[in-house]
Amino acid sequence: MTNEPRAPIENHILARLPHEDYNRLQPHLKPVELRLGQVLHEAGGIMDYVYFPQNAMVSLVSHTPAGQSVEVGVVGFEGVAGISAVLGVDKSPHEALVQIPDGAIQLPVRVLREEFKRGGALHDLLLRYTQGLLLQTSQIAACNRLHSLAERLARWLLMSHDRCACEDLPFTQEFLALMLGVRRAGV
């Protein structure tokens, strides 16, 4: 193990790990570039990796059997795409779709689970993040039911801007309609 300074980490979970914990994970951490529209996990698909976004944003999209879709959560530098893997789930409950491309850190699910079972700092950070994601999902559900389309769009744009290191958000009307679960004409 080395005590050399590590490169700055933009993902909040990885950045908050003690050096010893980070060094244990480091050989398994792989920087990857996420492309716009890239699907990290398909709904119902096996999750082999989790992704710690840096300045990227990943939408968690729920699909109905009738072919309708709506975003139910977003993951940015504060979290990890594939968090359900630490809960013992092998298949992704949602599609994880890259909306703002940038870098991320990829980690095999088996390594994440091994470290989670140690009960250390990563365990605690992931549980807190899970609680935050549950709160975000419940807030999105409430907004989808109680707020106007304009209010929902404003919330979505603010959430996206919070996770983007860019001034201009690269979204089309068609994309926004998909994320909000409405027709394009509604946007």
Protein backbone atom coordinates (compact mmCIF):
# COMPACT_ATOMS: atom_id res chain seq x y z
CA MET A 1 0.00 0.00 0.00
CA THR A 2 1.18 3.48 -0.78
CA ASN A 3 0.50 6.77 0.93
CA GLU A 4 1.23 8.79 -2.20
CA PRO A 5 -1.33 11.48 -2.91
CA ARG A 6 -3.99 10.26 -5.28
CA ALA A 7 -5.34 12.24 -8.22
CA PRO A 8 -8.36 14.42 -7.44
CA ILE A 9 -11.57 12.40 -7.64
CA GLU A 10 -14.71 14.14 -8.78
CA ASN A 11 -17.12 11.45 -7.56
CA HIS A 12 -18.16 12.29 -4.01
CA ILE A 13 -18.36 8.69 -2.76
CA LEU A 14 -14.89 7.73 -3.96
CA ALA A 15 -13.43 11.07 -2.84
CA ARG A 16 -14.64 10.52 0.73
CA LEU A 17 -13.04 7.10 1.14
CA PRO A 18 -10.10 6.86 3.56
CA HIS A 19 -6.80 6.18 1.77
CA GLU A 20 -6.66 2.58 3.02
CA ASP A 21 -10.12 1.79 1.65
CA TYR A 22 -9.46 3.58 -1.63
CA ASN A 23 -6.13 1.78 -2.06
CA ARG A 24 -7.90 -1.57 -1.62
CA LEU A 25 -10.30 -0.68 -4.46
CA GLN A 26 -7.80 1.13 -6.66
CA PRO A 27 -6.53 -1.89 -8.65
CA HIS A 28 -10.14 -2.57 -9.73
CA LEU A 29 -11.15 1.02 -10.55
CA LYS A 30 -11.16 1.73 -14.26
CA PRO A 31 -11.67 5.22 -15.72
CA VAL A 32 -14.14 5.11 -18.62
CA GLU A 33 -15.68 7.68 -20.93
CA LEU A 34 -19.46 7.63 -20.99
CA ARG A 35 -21.08 8.47 -24.32
CA LEU A 36 -24.34 10.32 -24.80
CA GLY A 37 -27.15 7.77 -25.02
CA GLN A 38 -24.99 4.89 -23.78
CA VAL A 39 -26.95 2.30 -21.80
CA LEU A 40 -24.95 1.23 -18.74
CA HIS A 41 -27.59 -1.21 -17.49
CA GLU A 42 -30.65 -2.48 -19.29
CA ALA A 43 -33.82 -2.90 -17.25
CA GLY A 44 -33.83 -6.55 -16.18
CA GLY A 45 -30.26 -7.03 -17.39
CA ILE A 46 -27.42 -8.43 -15.30
CA MET A 47 -25.19 -5.76 -13.75
CA ASP A 48 -21.52 -6.69 -14.06
CA TYR A 49 -20.22 -3.21 -13.20
CA VAL A 50 -21.25 -0.14 -11.26
CA TYR A 51 -20.31 3.35 -12.42
CA PHE A 52 -19.24 6.31 -10.29
CA PRO A 53 -19.93 9.35 -12.54
CA GLN A 54 -17.57 12.28 -12.39
CA ASN A 55 -19.20 15.10 -14.38
CA ALA A 56 -21.54 12.79 -16.26
CA MET A 57 -25.23 12.32 -15.53
CA VAL A 58 -27.07 9.02 -15.79
CA SER A 59 -30.87 8.81 -15.92
CA LEU A 60 -32.68 5.90 -14.32
CA VAL A 61 -35.56 5.16 -16.68
CA SER A 62 -38.57 2.99 -15.94
CA HIS A 63 -40.34 1.30 -18.87
CA THR A 64 -43.89 -0.04 -18.90
CA PRO A 65 -45.01 -3.14 -20.82
CA ALA A 66 -47.00 -0.77 -23.06
CA GLY A 67 -43.77 0.89 -24.18
CA GLN A 68 -44.03 4.08 -22.15
CA SER A 69 -41.00 5.46 -20.34
CA VAL A 70 -40.31 7.97 -17.60
CA GLU A 71 -37.25 8.98 -15.66
CA VAL A 72 -37.43 7.96 -12.00
CA GLY A 73 -34.02 9.18 -10.83
CA VAL A 74 -30.70 10.68 -11.81
CA VAL A 75 -27.15 9.82 -10.80
CA GLY A 76 -24.29 12.26 -11.00
CA PHE A 77 -21.05 12.95 -9.15
CA GLU A 78 -22.86 12.36 -5.85
CA GLY A 79 -23.51 8.69 -6.44
CA VAL A 80 -23.20 5.42 -8.26
CA ALA A 81 -25.19 3.88 -11.11
CA GLY A 82 -26.06 0.32 -10.09
CA ILE A 83 -26.54 0.89 -6.36
CA SER A 84 -29.06 -1.96 -6.13
CA ALA A 85 -26.12 -4.36 -6.59
CA VAL A 86 -25.10 -3.81 -2.96
CA LEU A 87 -28.60 -4.86 -1.91
CA GLY A 88 -28.01 -8.28 -3.43
CA VAL A 89 -29.85 -7.55 -6.67
CA ASP A 90 -28.17 -8.97 -9.78
CA LYS A 91 -30.54 -7.48 -12.37
CA SER A 92 -31.00 -3.78 -12.91
CA PRO A 93 -34.49 -2.55 -11.96
CA HIS A 94 -34.20 0.36 -14.42
CA GLU A 95 -32.42 1.31 -17.59
CA ALA A 96 -29.36 3.42 -16.74
CA LEU A 97 -28.96 5.85 -19.66
CA VAL A 98 -26.15 8.41 -20.03
CA GLN A 99 -27.66 11.88 -20.51
CA ILE A 100 -24.60 14.06 -20.00
CA PRO A 101 -21.44 12.39 -21.31
CA ASP A 102 -18.16 12.59 -19.41
CA GLY A 103 -15.92 10.34 -17.39
CA ALA A 104 -16.82 7.78 -14.77
CA ILE A 105 -15.05 5.17 -12.69
CA GLN A 106 -16.11 1.60 -13.42
CA LEU A 107 -15.93 -1.06 -10.70
CA PRO A 108 -16.87 -4.76 -10.94
CA VAL A 109 -20.00 -5.56 -8.90
CA ARG A 110 -18.24 -8.46 -7.15
CA VAL A 111 -15.51 -6.10 -5.83
CA LEU A 112 -18.12 -3.56 -4.69
CA ARG A 113 -20.00 -6.27 -2.80
CA GLU A 114 -16.83 -7.59 -1.14
CA GLU A 115 -15.91 -4.11 0.07
CA PHE A 116 -19.51 -3.40 1.15
CA LYS A 117 -19.51 -6.55 3.30
CA ARG A 118 -16.45 -5.26 5.19
CA GLY A 119 -18.78 -2.76 6.83
CA GLY A 120 -16.34 0.15 6.51
CA ALA A 121 -16.51 3.62 5.04
CA LEU A 122 -17.78 2.52 1.62
CA HIS A 123 -20.61 0.61 3.29
CA ASP A 124 -21.73 3.70 5.18
CA LEU A 125 -21.38 6.03 2.18
CA LEU A 126 -23.38 3.70 -0.05
CA LEU A 127 -26.17 3.35 2.52
CA ARG A 128 -26.41 7.15 2.83
CA TYR A 129 -26.44 7.48 -0.94
CA THR A 130 -29.19 4.84 -1.18
CA GLN A 131 -31.29 6.85 1.28
CA GLY A 132 -30.73 9.99 -0.81
CA LEU A 133 -31.72 8.19 -4.01
CA LEU A 134 -34.90 6.89 -2.34
CA LEU A 135 -35.77 10.43 -1.28
CA GLN A 136 -35.08 11.71 -4.79
CA THR A 137 -37.27 9.00 -6.32
CA SER A 138 -40.15 9.74 -3.95
CA GLN A 139 -39.84 13.47 -4.68
CA ILE A 140 -39.95 12.78 -8.42
CA ALA A 141 -43.07 10.63 -7.94
CA ALA A 142 -44.76 13.41 -5.97
CA CYS A 143 -43.77 16.02 -8.57
CA ASN A 144 -45.02 13.83 -11.43
CA ARG A 145 -48.42 13.61 -9.73
CA LEU A 146 -48.83 17.07 -8.19
CA HIS A 147 -46.94 19.58 -10.33
CA SER A 148 -47.60 21.08 -13.74
CA LEU A 149 -45.46 20.12 -16.70
CA ALA A 150 -43.66 23.50 -16.53
CA GLU A 151 -42.80 22.90 -12.86
CA ARG A 152 -41.61 19.36 -13.56
CA LEU A 153 -39.47 20.61 -16.45
CA ALA A 154 -37.95 23.30 -14.22
CA ARG A 155 -37.12 20.70 -11.53
CA TRP A 156 -35.55 18.42 -14.11
CA LEU A 157 -33.45 21.18 -15.66
CA LEU A 158 -32.23 22.30 -12.23
CA MET A 159 -31.33 18.72 -11.24
CA SER A 160 -29.44 18.33 -14.51
CA HIS A 161 -27.63 21.65 -14.16
CA ASP A 162 -26.53 20.69 -10.62
CA ARG A 163 -24.78 17.64 -12.04
CA CYS A 164 -23.32 19.19 -15.18
CA ALA A 165 -20.02 21.03 -15.48
CA CYS A 166 -21.47 22.82 -18.52
CA GLU A 167 -23.36 26.05 -19.05
CA ASP A 168 -25.57 24.79 -21.87
CA LEU A 169 -27.56 21.62 -21.29
CA PRO A 170 -27.43 19.43 -24.43
CA PHE A 171 -31.06 18.24 -24.44
CA THR A 172 -33.60 18.07 -27.25
CA GLN A 173 -37.36 18.46 -26.85
CA GLU A 174 -37.77 14.79 -27.74
CA PHE A 175 -35.36 13.78 -25.01
CA LEU A 176 -37.01 16.03 -22.40
CA ALA A 177 -40.40 14.56 -23.31
CA LEU A 178 -39.05 11.05 -22.76
CA MET A 179 -37.59 11.97 -19.36
CA LEU A 180 -40.81 13.66 -18.24
CA GLY A 181 -43.07 10.93 -19.62
CA VAL A 182 -45.03 13.29 -21.89
CA ARG A 183 -45.51 13.86 -25.61
CA ARG A 184 -42.91 15.99 -27.39
CA ALA A 185 -45.56 18.63 -28.14
CA GLY A 186 -46.03 19.07 -24.38
CA VAL A 187 -42.46 20.28 -23.96
